[in-house]
Amino acid sequence: MLELDSLLVYFFGLSIIPFVNSWIENIGGKDVLIVSVSESHKPIFLKNKKEDKIEKEMYIRMHASTRLFTDPEELVEYVFNKEWEKPSS
């Protein structure tokens, strides 16, 4: 669990923590780490090291796949057109 926390903060930053819930369950006599991720109400970027520098990337979850935004114009259009749900109070 400590390693998961470290990886989340390293690749996403502290702002990801409210969206991730994890626990260990014993299934079939084996301990299994269960990770549940809630939908964010804002874009979340992945920090990725490329050629000795850190770049941020954004992915979109589609029905059965995950896609990387490679075109900045598509990324901006997606963010502006997405109807971000406001957190319930």
PDB file of N, CA and C in Angstrom:
ATOM      1  N   MET A   1       0.837  -1.180   0.000  1.00  0.00           N
ATOM      2  CA  MET A   1       0.000   0.000   0.000  1.00  0.00           C
ATOM      3  C   MET A   1       0.890   1.254   0.000  1.00  0.00           C
ATOM      4  N   LEU A   2       1.990   1.200   0.720  1.00  0.00           N
ATOM      5  CA  LEU A   2       2.924   2.327   0.734  1.00  0.00           C
ATOM      6  C   LEU A   2       3.519   2.560  -0.652  1.00  0.00           C
ATOM      7  N   GLU A   3       3.853   1.475  -1.350  1.00  0.00           N
ATOM      8  CA  GLU A   3       4.398   1.584  -2.704  1.00  0.00           C
ATOM      9  C   GLU A   3       3.362   2.185  -3.658  1.00  0.00           C
ATOM     10  N   LEU A   4       2.106   1.786  -3.537  1.00  0.00           N
ATOM     11  CA  LEU A   4       1.044   2.356  -4.368  1.00  0.00           C
ATOM     12  C   LEU A   4       0.927   3.857  -4.121  1.00  0.00           C
ATOM     13  N   ASP A   5       0.926   4.261  -2.852  1.00  0.00           N
ATOM     14  CA  ASP A   5       0.870   5.688  -2.524  1.00  0.00           C
ATOM     15  C   ASP A   5       2.017   6.441  -3.184  1.00  0.00           C
ATOM     16  N   SER A   6       3.220   5.889  -3.098  1.00  0.00           N
ATOM     17  CA  SER A   6       4.401   6.534  -3.673  1.00  0.00           C
ATOM     18  C   SER A   6       4.274   6.663  -5.189  1.00  0.00           C
ATOM     19  N   LEU A   7       3.810   5.612  -5.852  1.00  0.00           N
ATOM     20  CA  LEU A   7       3.650   5.640  -7.304  1.00  0.00           C
ATOM     21  C   LEU A   7       2.591   6.659  -7.737  1.00  0.00           C
ATOM     22  N   LEU A   8       1.481   6.709  -7.026  1.00  0.00           N
ATOM     23  CA  LEU A   8       0.423   7.664  -7.364  1.00  0.00           C
ATOM     24  C   LEU A   8       0.923   9.098  -7.268  1.00  0.00           C
ATOM     25  N   VAL A   9       1.620   9.404  -6.175  1.00  0.00           N
ATOM     26  CA  VAL A   9       2.121  10.763  -5.998  1.00  0.00           C
ATOM     27  C   VAL A   9       3.196  11.083  -7.029  1.00  0.00           C
ATOM     28  N   TYR A  10       4.076  10.134  -7.323  1.00  0.00           N
ATOM     29  CA  TYR A  10       5.147  10.356  -8.293  1.00  0.00           C
ATOM     30  C   TYR A  10       4.590  10.627  -9.689  1.00  0.00           C
ATOM     31  N   PHE A  11       3.631   9.816 -10.129  1.00  0.00           N
ATOM     32  CA  PHE A  11       3.126   9.930 -11.497  1.00  0.00           C
ATOM     33  C   PHE A  11       1.978  10.925 -11.666  1.00  0.00           C
ATOM     34  N   PHE A  12       1.231  11.214 -10.589  1.00  0.00           N
ATOM     35  CA  PHE A  12       0.062  12.083 -10.724  1.00  0.00           C
ATOM     36  C   PHE A  12       0.074  13.304  -9.809  1.00  0.00           C
ATOM     37  N   GLY A  13       0.825  13.262  -8.732  1.00  0.00           N
ATOM     38  CA  GLY A  13       0.817  14.343  -7.751  1.00  0.00           C
ATOM     39  C   GLY A  13      -0.212  14.086  -6.669  1.00  0.00           C
ATOM     40  N   LEU A  14      -0.182  14.898  -5.640  1.00  0.00           N
ATOM     41  CA  LEU A  14      -1.070  14.711  -4.490  1.00  0.00           C
ATOM     42  C   LEU A  14      -2.544  14.903  -4.816  1.00  0.00           C
ATOM     43  N   SER A  15      -2.854  15.646  -5.874  1.00  0.00           N
ATOM     44  CA  SER A  15      -4.256  15.929  -6.188  1.00  0.00           C
ATOM     45  C   SER A  15      -5.043  14.683  -6.593  1.00  0.00           C
ATOM     46  N   ILE A  16      -4.361  13.589  -6.894  1.00  0.00           N
ATOM     47  CA  ILE A  16      -5.049  12.354  -7.297  1.00  0.00           C
ATOM     48  C   ILE A  16      -5.613  11.577  -6.097  1.00  0.00           C
ATOM     49  N   ILE A  17      -5.052  11.811  -4.929  1.00  0.00           N
ATOM     50  CA  ILE A  17      -5.369  10.999  -3.749  1.00  0.00           C
ATOM     51  C   ILE A  17      -6.869  10.910  -3.444  1.00  0.00           C
ATOM     52  N   PRO A  18      -7.654  11.990  -3.516  1.00  0.00           N
ATOM     53  CA  PRO A  18      -9.085  11.854  -3.196  1.00  0.00           C
ATOM     54  C   PRO A  18      -9.859  10.927  -4.138  1.00  0.00           C
ATOM     55  N   PHE A  19      -9.302  10.624  -5.304  1.00  0.00           N
ATOM     56  CA  PHE A  19     -10.018   9.811  -6.289  1.00  0.00           C
ATOM     57  C   PHE A  19      -9.668   8.331  -6.230  1.00  0.00           C
ATOM     58  N   VAL A  20      -8.678   7.967  -5.417  1.00  0.00           N
ATOM     59  CA  VAL A  20      -8.201   6.583  -5.376  1.00  0.00           C
ATOM     60  C   VAL A  20      -8.454   5.996  -3.991  1.00  0.00           C
ATOM     61  N   ASN A  21      -9.095   4.839  -3.983  1.00  0.00           N
ATOM     62  CA  ASN A  21      -9.334   4.116  -2.742  1.00  0.00           C
ATOM     63  C   ASN A  21      -8.773   2.711  -2.933  1.00  0.00           C
ATOM     64  N   SER A  22      -8.013   2.232  -1.971  1.00  0.00           N
ATOM     65  CA  SER A  22      -7.432   0.892  -2.104  1.00  0.00           C
ATOM     66  C   SER A  22      -7.508   0.146  -0.782  1.00  0.00           C
ATOM     67  N   TRP A  23      -7.585  -1.175  -0.882  1.00  0.00           N
ATOM     68  CA  TRP A  23      -7.632  -2.033   0.288  1.00  0.00           C
ATOM     69  C   TRP A  23      -7.169  -3.424  -0.117  1.00  0.00           C
ATOM     70  N   ILE A  24      -6.883  -4.221   0.882  1.00  0.00           N
ATOM     71  CA  ILE A  24      -6.438  -5.597   0.633  1.00  0.00           C
ATOM     72  C   ILE A  24      -7.541  -6.550   1.071  1.00  0.00           C
ATOM     73  N   GLU A  25      -7.885  -7.477   0.197  1.00  0.00           N
ATOM     74  CA  GLU A  25      -8.871  -8.519   0.501  1.00  0.00           C
ATOM     75  C   GLU A  25      -8.213  -9.874   0.347  1.00  0.00           C
ATOM     76  N   ASN A  26      -8.638 -10.810   1.157  1.00  0.00           N
ATOM     77  CA  ASN A  26      -8.161 -12.174   1.027  1.00  0.00           C
ATOM     78  C   ASN A  26      -9.139 -12.912   0.115  1.00  0.00           C
ATOM     79  N   ILE A  27      -8.647 -13.319  -1.035  1.00  0.00           N
ATOM     80  CA  ILE A  27      -9.471 -14.010  -2.020  1.00  0.00           C
ATOM     81  C   ILE A  27      -8.804 -15.332  -2.350  1.00  0.00           C
ATOM     82  N   GLY A  28      -9.497 -16.415  -2.090  1.00  0.00           N
ATOM     83  CA  GLY A  28      -8.945 -17.739  -2.368  1.00  0.00           C
ATOM     84  C   GLY A  28      -7.657 -18.009  -1.606  1.00  0.00           C
ATOM     85  N   GLY A  29      -7.549 -17.461  -0.396  1.00  0.00           N
ATOM     86  CA  GLY A  29      -6.364 -17.687   0.418  1.00  0.00           C
ATOM     87  C   GLY A  29      -5.181 -16.797   0.057  1.00  0.00           C
ATOM     88  N   LYS A  30      -5.384 -15.857  -0.856  1.00  0.00           N
ATOM     89  CA  LYS A  30      -4.302 -14.945  -1.255  1.00  0.00           C
ATOM     90  C   LYS A  30      -4.732 -13.504  -1.000  1.00  0.00           C
ATOM     91  N   ASP A  31      -3.797 -12.687  -0.543  1.00  0.00           N
ATOM     92  CA  ASP A  31      -4.071 -11.271  -0.363  1.00  0.00           C
ATOM     93  C   ASP A  31      -4.013 -10.582  -1.722  1.00  0.00           C
ATOM     94  N   VAL A  32      -5.087  -9.845  -2.031  1.00  0.00           N
ATOM     95  CA  VAL A  32      -5.202  -9.160  -3.313  1.00  0.00           C
ATOM     96  C   VAL A  32      -5.427  -7.673  -3.046  1.00  0.00           C
ATOM     97  N   LEU A  33      -4.654  -6.839  -3.718  1.00  0.00           N
ATOM     98  CA  LEU A  33      -4.828  -5.397  -3.603  1.00  0.00           C
ATOM     99  C   LEU A  33      -5.947  -4.968  -4.546  1.00  0.00           C
ATOM    100  N   ILE A  34      -6.967  -4.347  -4.014  1.00  0.00           N
ATOM    101  CA  ILE A  34      -8.092  -3.842  -4.786  1.00  0.00           C
ATOM    102  C   ILE A  34      -7.935  -2.319  -4.876  1.00  0.00           C
ATOM    103  N   VAL A  35      -8.028  -1.790  -6.086  1.00  0.00           N
ATOM    104  CA  VAL A  35      -7.910  -0.348  -6.295  1.00  0.00           C
ATOM    105  C   VAL A  35      -9.167   0.133  -7.009  1.00  0.00           C
ATOM    106  N   SER A  36      -9.828   1.111  -6.414  1.00  0.00           N
ATOM    107  CA  SER A  36     -11.019   1.716  -6.993  1.00  0.00           C
ATOM    108  C   SER A  36     -10.701   3.176  -7.282  1.00  0.00           C
ATOM    109  N   VAL A  37     -10.983   3.610  -8.518  1.00  0.00           N
ATOM    110  CA  VAL A  37     -10.681   4.985  -8.923  1.00  0.00           C
ATOM    111  C   VAL A  37     -11.979   5.678  -9.322  1.00  0.00           C
ATOM    112  N   SER A  38     -12.276   6.781  -8.661  1.00  0.00           N
ATOM    113  CA  SER A  38     -13.470   7.562  -8.962  1.00  0.00           C
ATOM    114  C   SER A  38     -13.198   8.499 -10.124  1.00  0.00           C
ATOM    115  N   GLU A  39     -14.272   8.898 -10.797  1.00  0.00           N
ATOM    116  CA  GLU A  39     -14.139   9.862 -11.884  1.00  0.00           C
ATOM    117  C   GLU A  39     -13.747  11.220 -11.313  1.00  0.00           C
ATOM    118  N   SER A  40     -12.825  11.863 -11.987  1.00  0.00           N
ATOM    119  CA  SER A  40     -12.391  13.193 -11.574  1.00  0.00           C
ATOM    120  C   SER A  40     -13.312  14.242 -12.174  1.00  0.00           C
ATOM    121  N   HIS A  41     -13.388  15.367 -11.511  1.00  0.00           N
ATOM    122  CA  HIS A  41     -14.195  16.476 -12.009  1.00  0.00           C
ATOM    123  C   HIS A  41     -13.316  17.525 -12.684  1.00  0.00           C
ATOM    124  N   LYS A  42     -12.086  17.122 -12.996  1.00  0.00           N
ATOM    125  CA  LYS A  42     -11.150  17.993 -13.706  1.00  0.00           C
ATOM    126  C   LYS A  42     -10.132  17.100 -14.406  1.00  0.00           C
ATOM    127  N   PRO A  43      -9.412  17.624 -15.379  1.00  0.00           N
ATOM    128  CA  PRO A  43      -8.405  16.792 -16.049  1.00  0.00           C
ATOM    129  C   PRO A  43      -7.300  16.366 -15.084  1.00  0.00           C
ATOM    130  N   ILE A  44      -6.834  15.141 -15.243  1.00  0.00           N
ATOM    131  CA  ILE A  44      -5.717  14.606 -14.469  1.00  0.00           C
ATOM    132  C   ILE A  44      -4.610  14.265 -15.463  1.00  0.00           C
ATOM    133  N   PHE A  45      -3.407  14.711 -15.193  1.00  0.00           N
ATOM    134  CA  PHE A  45      -2.289  14.485 -16.095  1.00  0.00           C
ATOM    135  C   PHE A  45      -1.314  13.483 -15.503  1.00  0.00           C
ATOM    136  N   LEU A  46      -0.742  12.662 -16.357  1.00  0.00           N
ATOM    137  CA  LEU A  46       0.263  11.676 -15.982  1.00  0.00           C
ATOM    138  C   LEU A  46       1.637  12.272 -16.231  1.00  0.00           C
ATOM    139  N   LYS A  47       2.505  12.218 -15.224  1.00  0.00           N
ATOM    140  CA  LYS A  47       3.885  12.662 -15.406  1.00  0.00           C
ATOM    141  C   LYS A  47       4.682  11.480 -15.946  1.00  0.00           C
ATOM    142  N   ASN A  48       5.319  11.666 -17.089  1.00  0.00           N
ATOM    143  CA  ASN A  48       6.041  10.581 -17.744  1.00  0.00           C
ATOM    144  C   ASN A  48       7.453  11.058 -18.078  1.00  0.00           C
ATOM    145  N   LYS A  49       8.458  10.272 -17.703  1.00  0.00           N
ATOM    146  CA  LYS A  49       9.843  10.654 -17.975  1.00  0.00           C
ATOM    147  C   LYS A  49      10.216  10.197 -19.382  1.00  0.00           C
ATOM    148  N   LYS A  50      10.647  11.163 -20.197  1.00  0.00           N
ATOM    149  CA  LYS A  50      11.069  10.867 -21.565  1.00  0.00           C
ATOM    150  C   LYS A  50      12.390  11.563 -21.816  1.00  0.00           C
ATOM    151  N   GLU A  51      13.392  10.783 -22.170  1.00  0.00           N
ATOM    152  CA  GLU A  51      14.709  11.328 -22.499  1.00  0.00           C
ATOM    153  C   GLU A  51      15.184  12.331 -21.449  1.00  0.00           C
ATOM    154  N   ASP A  52      15.225  11.905 -20.204  1.00  0.00           N
ATOM    155  CA  ASP A  52      15.742  12.698 -19.084  1.00  0.00           C
ATOM    156  C   ASP A  52      14.953  13.959 -18.775  1.00  0.00           C
ATOM    157  N   LYS A  53      13.704  14.051 -19.222  1.00  0.00           N
ATOM    158  CA  LYS A  53      12.860  15.166 -18.814  1.00  0.00           C
ATOM    159  C   LYS A  53      11.457  14.645 -18.525  1.00  0.00           C
ATOM    160  N   ILE A  54      10.759  15.359 -17.680  1.00  0.00           N
ATOM    161  CA  ILE A  54       9.403  14.968 -17.301  1.00  0.00           C
ATOM    162  C   ILE A  54       8.410  15.689 -18.207  1.00  0.00           C
ATOM    163  N   GLU A  55       7.523  14.930 -18.828  1.00  0.00           N
ATOM    164  CA  GLU A  55       6.445  15.482 -19.637  1.00  0.00           C
ATOM    165  C   GLU A  55       5.122  15.057 -19.022  1.00  0.00           C
ATOM    166  N   LYS A  56       4.116  15.899 -19.168  1.00  0.00           N
ATOM    167  CA  LYS A  56       2.789  15.540 -18.684  1.00  0.00           C
ATOM    168  C   LYS A  56       1.950  15.102 -19.872  1.00  0.00           C
ATOM    169  N   GLU A  57       1.192  14.024 -19.660  1.00  0.00           N
ATOM    170  CA  GLU A  57       0.333  13.471 -20.704  1.00  0.00           C
ATOM    171  C   GLU A  57      -1.085  13.353 -20.159  1.00  0.00           C
ATOM    172  N   MET A  58      -2.047  13.400 -21.064  1.00  0.00           N
ATOM    173  CA  MET A  58      -3.439  13.205 -20.664  1.00  0.00           C
ATOM    174  C   MET A  58      -4.041  12.110 -21.525  1.00  0.00           C
ATOM    175  N   TYR A  59      -4.725  11.211 -20.862  1.00  0.00           N
ATOM    176  CA  TYR A  59      -5.387  10.095 -21.518  1.00  0.00           C
ATOM    177  C   TYR A  59      -6.883  10.248 -21.329  1.00  0.00           C
ATOM    178  N   ILE A  60      -7.650   9.669 -22.246  1.00  0.00           N
ATOM    179  CA  ILE A  60      -9.103   9.650 -22.129  1.00  0.00           C
ATOM    180  C   ILE A  60      -9.544   8.192 -22.122  1.00  0.00           C
ATOM    181  N   ARG A  61     -10.453   7.881 -21.227  1.00  0.00           N
ATOM    182  CA  ARG A  61     -11.014   6.539 -21.174  1.00  0.00           C
ATOM    183  C   ARG A  61     -12.212   6.507 -22.096  1.00  0.00           C
ATOM    184  N   MET A  62     -12.166   5.585 -23.066  1.00  0.00           N
ATOM    185  CA  MET A  62     -13.292   5.399 -23.964  1.00  0.00           C
ATOM    186  C   MET A  62     -14.073   4.189 -23.462  1.00  0.00           C
ATOM    187  N   HIS A  63     -14.894   3.609 -24.254  1.00  0.00           N
ATOM    188  CA  HIS A  63     -15.715   2.484 -23.799  1.00  0.00           C
ATOM    189  C   HIS A  63     -14.869   1.286 -23.380  1.00  0.00           C
ATOM    190  N   ALA A  64     -13.970   0.854 -24.245  1.00  0.00           N
ATOM    191  CA  ALA A  64     -13.180  -0.342 -23.942  1.00  0.00           C
ATOM    192  C   ALA A  64     -11.683  -0.102 -24.107  1.00  0.00           C
ATOM    193  N   SER A  65     -11.280   1.150 -24.179  1.00  0.00           N
ATOM    194  CA  SER A  65      -9.859   1.437 -24.383  1.00  0.00           C
ATOM    195  C   SER A  65      -9.494   2.769 -23.738  1.00  0.00           C
ATOM    196  N   THR A  66      -8.215   3.004 -23.641  1.00  0.00           N
ATOM    197  CA  THR A  66      -7.685   4.260 -23.128  1.00  0.00           C
ATOM    198  C   THR A  66      -6.794   4.852 -24.202  1.00  0.00           C
ATOM    199  N   ARG A  67      -6.975   6.131 -24.495  1.00  0.00           N
ATOM    200  CA  ARG A  67      -6.237   6.777 -25.584  1.00  0.00           C
ATOM    201  C   ARG A  67      -5.465   7.979 -25.068  1.00  0.00           C
ATOM    202  N   LEU A  68      -4.245   8.143 -25.586  1.00  0.00           N
ATOM    203  CA  LEU A  68      -3.402   9.291 -25.273  1.00  0.00           C
ATOM    204  C   LEU A  68      -3.742  10.434 -26.212  1.00  0.00           C
ATOM    205  N   PHE A  69      -3.930  11.622 -25.645  1.00  0.00           N
ATOM    206  CA  PHE A  69      -4.074  12.805 -26.478  1.00  0.00           C
ATOM    207  C   PHE A  69      -2.698  13.152 -27.016  1.00  0.00           C
ATOM    208  N   THR A  70      -2.538  13.182 -28.337  1.00  0.00           N
ATOM    209  CA  THR A  70      -1.265  13.554 -28.941  1.00  0.00           C
ATOM    210  C   THR A  70      -1.353  14.901 -29.644  1.00  0.00           C
ATOM    211  N   ASP A  71      -2.547  15.335 -29.924  1.00  0.00           N
ATOM    212  CA  ASP A  71      -2.774  16.606 -30.612  1.00  0.00           C
ATOM    213  C   ASP A  71      -3.230  17.638 -29.586  1.00  0.00           C
ATOM    214  N   PRO A  72      -2.431  18.689 -29.344  1.00  0.00           N
ATOM    215  CA  PRO A  72      -2.815  19.703 -28.352  1.00  0.00           C
ATOM    216  C   PRO A  72      -4.175  20.334 -28.632  1.00  0.00           C
ATOM    217  N   GLU A  73      -4.506  20.506 -29.892  1.00  0.00           N
ATOM    218  CA  GLU A  73      -5.803  21.099 -30.241  1.00  0.00           C
ATOM    219  C   GLU A  73      -6.951  20.196 -29.794  1.00  0.00           C
ATOM    220  N   GLU A  74      -6.802  18.882 -29.980  1.00  0.00           N
ATOM    221  CA  GLU A  74      -7.831  17.943 -29.528  1.00  0.00           C
ATOM    222  C   GLU A  74      -7.961  17.971 -28.012  1.00  0.00           C
ATOM    223  N   LEU A  75      -6.837  18.066 -27.325  1.00  0.00           N
ATOM    224  CA  LEU A  75      -6.844  18.116 -25.862  1.00  0.00           C
ATOM    225  C   LEU A  75      -7.607  19.344 -25.374  1.00  0.00           C
ATOM    226  N   VAL A  76      -7.302  20.501 -25.930  1.00  0.00           N
ATOM    227  CA  VAL A  76      -7.977  21.736 -25.524  1.00  0.00           C
ATOM    228  C   VAL A  76      -9.460  21.646 -25.831  1.00  0.00           C
ATOM    229  N   GLU A  77      -9.801  21.146 -27.004  1.00  0.00           N
ATOM    230  CA  GLU A  77     -11.206  21.015 -27.386  1.00  0.00           C
ATOM    231  C   GLU A  77     -11.950  20.071 -26.437  1.00  0.00           C
ATOM    232  N   TYR A  78     -11.318  18.975 -26.086  1.00  0.00           N
ATOM    233  CA  TYR A  78     -11.935  18.021 -25.155  1.00  0.00           C
ATOM    234  C   TYR A  78     -12.211  18.680 -23.810  1.00  0.00           C
ATOM    235  N   VAL A  79     -11.208  19.374 -23.267  1.00  0.00           N
ATOM    236  CA  VAL A  79     -11.351  19.996 -21.947  1.00  0.00           C
ATOM    237  C   VAL A  79     -12.449  21.059 -21.971  1.00  0.00           C
ATOM    238  N   PHE A  80     -12.500  21.876 -23.013  1.00  0.00           N
ATOM    239  CA  PHE A  80     -13.521  22.924 -23.083  1.00  0.00           C
ATOM    240  C   PHE A  80     -14.916  22.366 -23.348  1.00  0.00           C
ATOM    241  N   ASN A  81     -15.011  21.262 -24.064  1.00  0.00           N
ATOM    242  CA  ASN A  81     -16.325  20.713 -24.411  1.00  0.00           C
ATOM    243  C   ASN A  81     -16.858  19.697 -23.413  1.00  0.00           C
ATOM    244  N   LYS A  82     -15.990  19.182 -22.568  1.00  0.00           N
ATOM    245  CA  LYS A  82     -16.418  18.195 -21.573  1.00  0.00           C
ATOM    246  C   LYS A  82     -17.298  18.879 -20.548  1.00  0.00           C
ATOM    247  N   GLU A  83     -18.408  18.268 -20.288  1.00  0.00           N
ATOM    248  CA  GLU A  83     -19.295  18.805 -19.245  1.00  0.00           C
ATOM    249  C   GLU A  83     -18.847  18.190 -17.928  1.00  0.00           C
ATOM    250  N   TRP A  84     -17.917  18.852 -17.277  1.00  0.00           N
ATOM    251  CA  TRP A  84     -17.387  18.346 -16.013  1.00  0.00           C
ATOM    252  C   TRP A  84     -18.484  18.421 -14.970  1.00  0.00           C
ATOM    253  N   GLU A  85     -18.722  17.300 -14.341  1.00  0.00           N
ATOM    254  CA  GLU A  85     -19.715  17.258 -13.282  1.00  0.00           C
ATOM    255  C   GLU A  85     -19.162  17.954 -12.053  1.00  0.00           C
ATOM    256  N   LYS A  86     -20.002  18.713 -11.414  1.00  0.00           N
ATOM    257  CA  LYS A  86     -19.566  19.363 -10.183  1.00  0.00           C
ATOM    258  C   LYS A  86     -19.696  18.366  -9.045  1.00  0.00           C
ATOM    259  N   PRO A  87     -18.740  18.368  -8.119  1.00  0.00           N
ATOM    260  CA  PRO A  87     -18.828  17.442  -6.983  1.00  0.00           C
ATOM    261  C   PRO A  87     -20.103  17.706  -6.195  1.00  0.00           C
ATOM    262  N   SER A  88     -20.703  16.628  -5.735  1.00  0.00           N
ATOM    263  CA  SER A  88     -21.908  16.785  -4.922  1.00  0.00           C
ATOM    264  C   SER A  88     -21.521  17.314  -3.554  1.00  0.00           C
ATOM    265  N   SER A  89     -22.347  18.198  -3.009  1.00  0.00           N
ATOM    266  CA  SER A  89     -22.004  18.800  -1.720  1.00  0.00           C
ATOM    267  C   SER A  89     -22.759  18.173  -0.589  1.00  0.00           C
TER     268      SER A  89
END
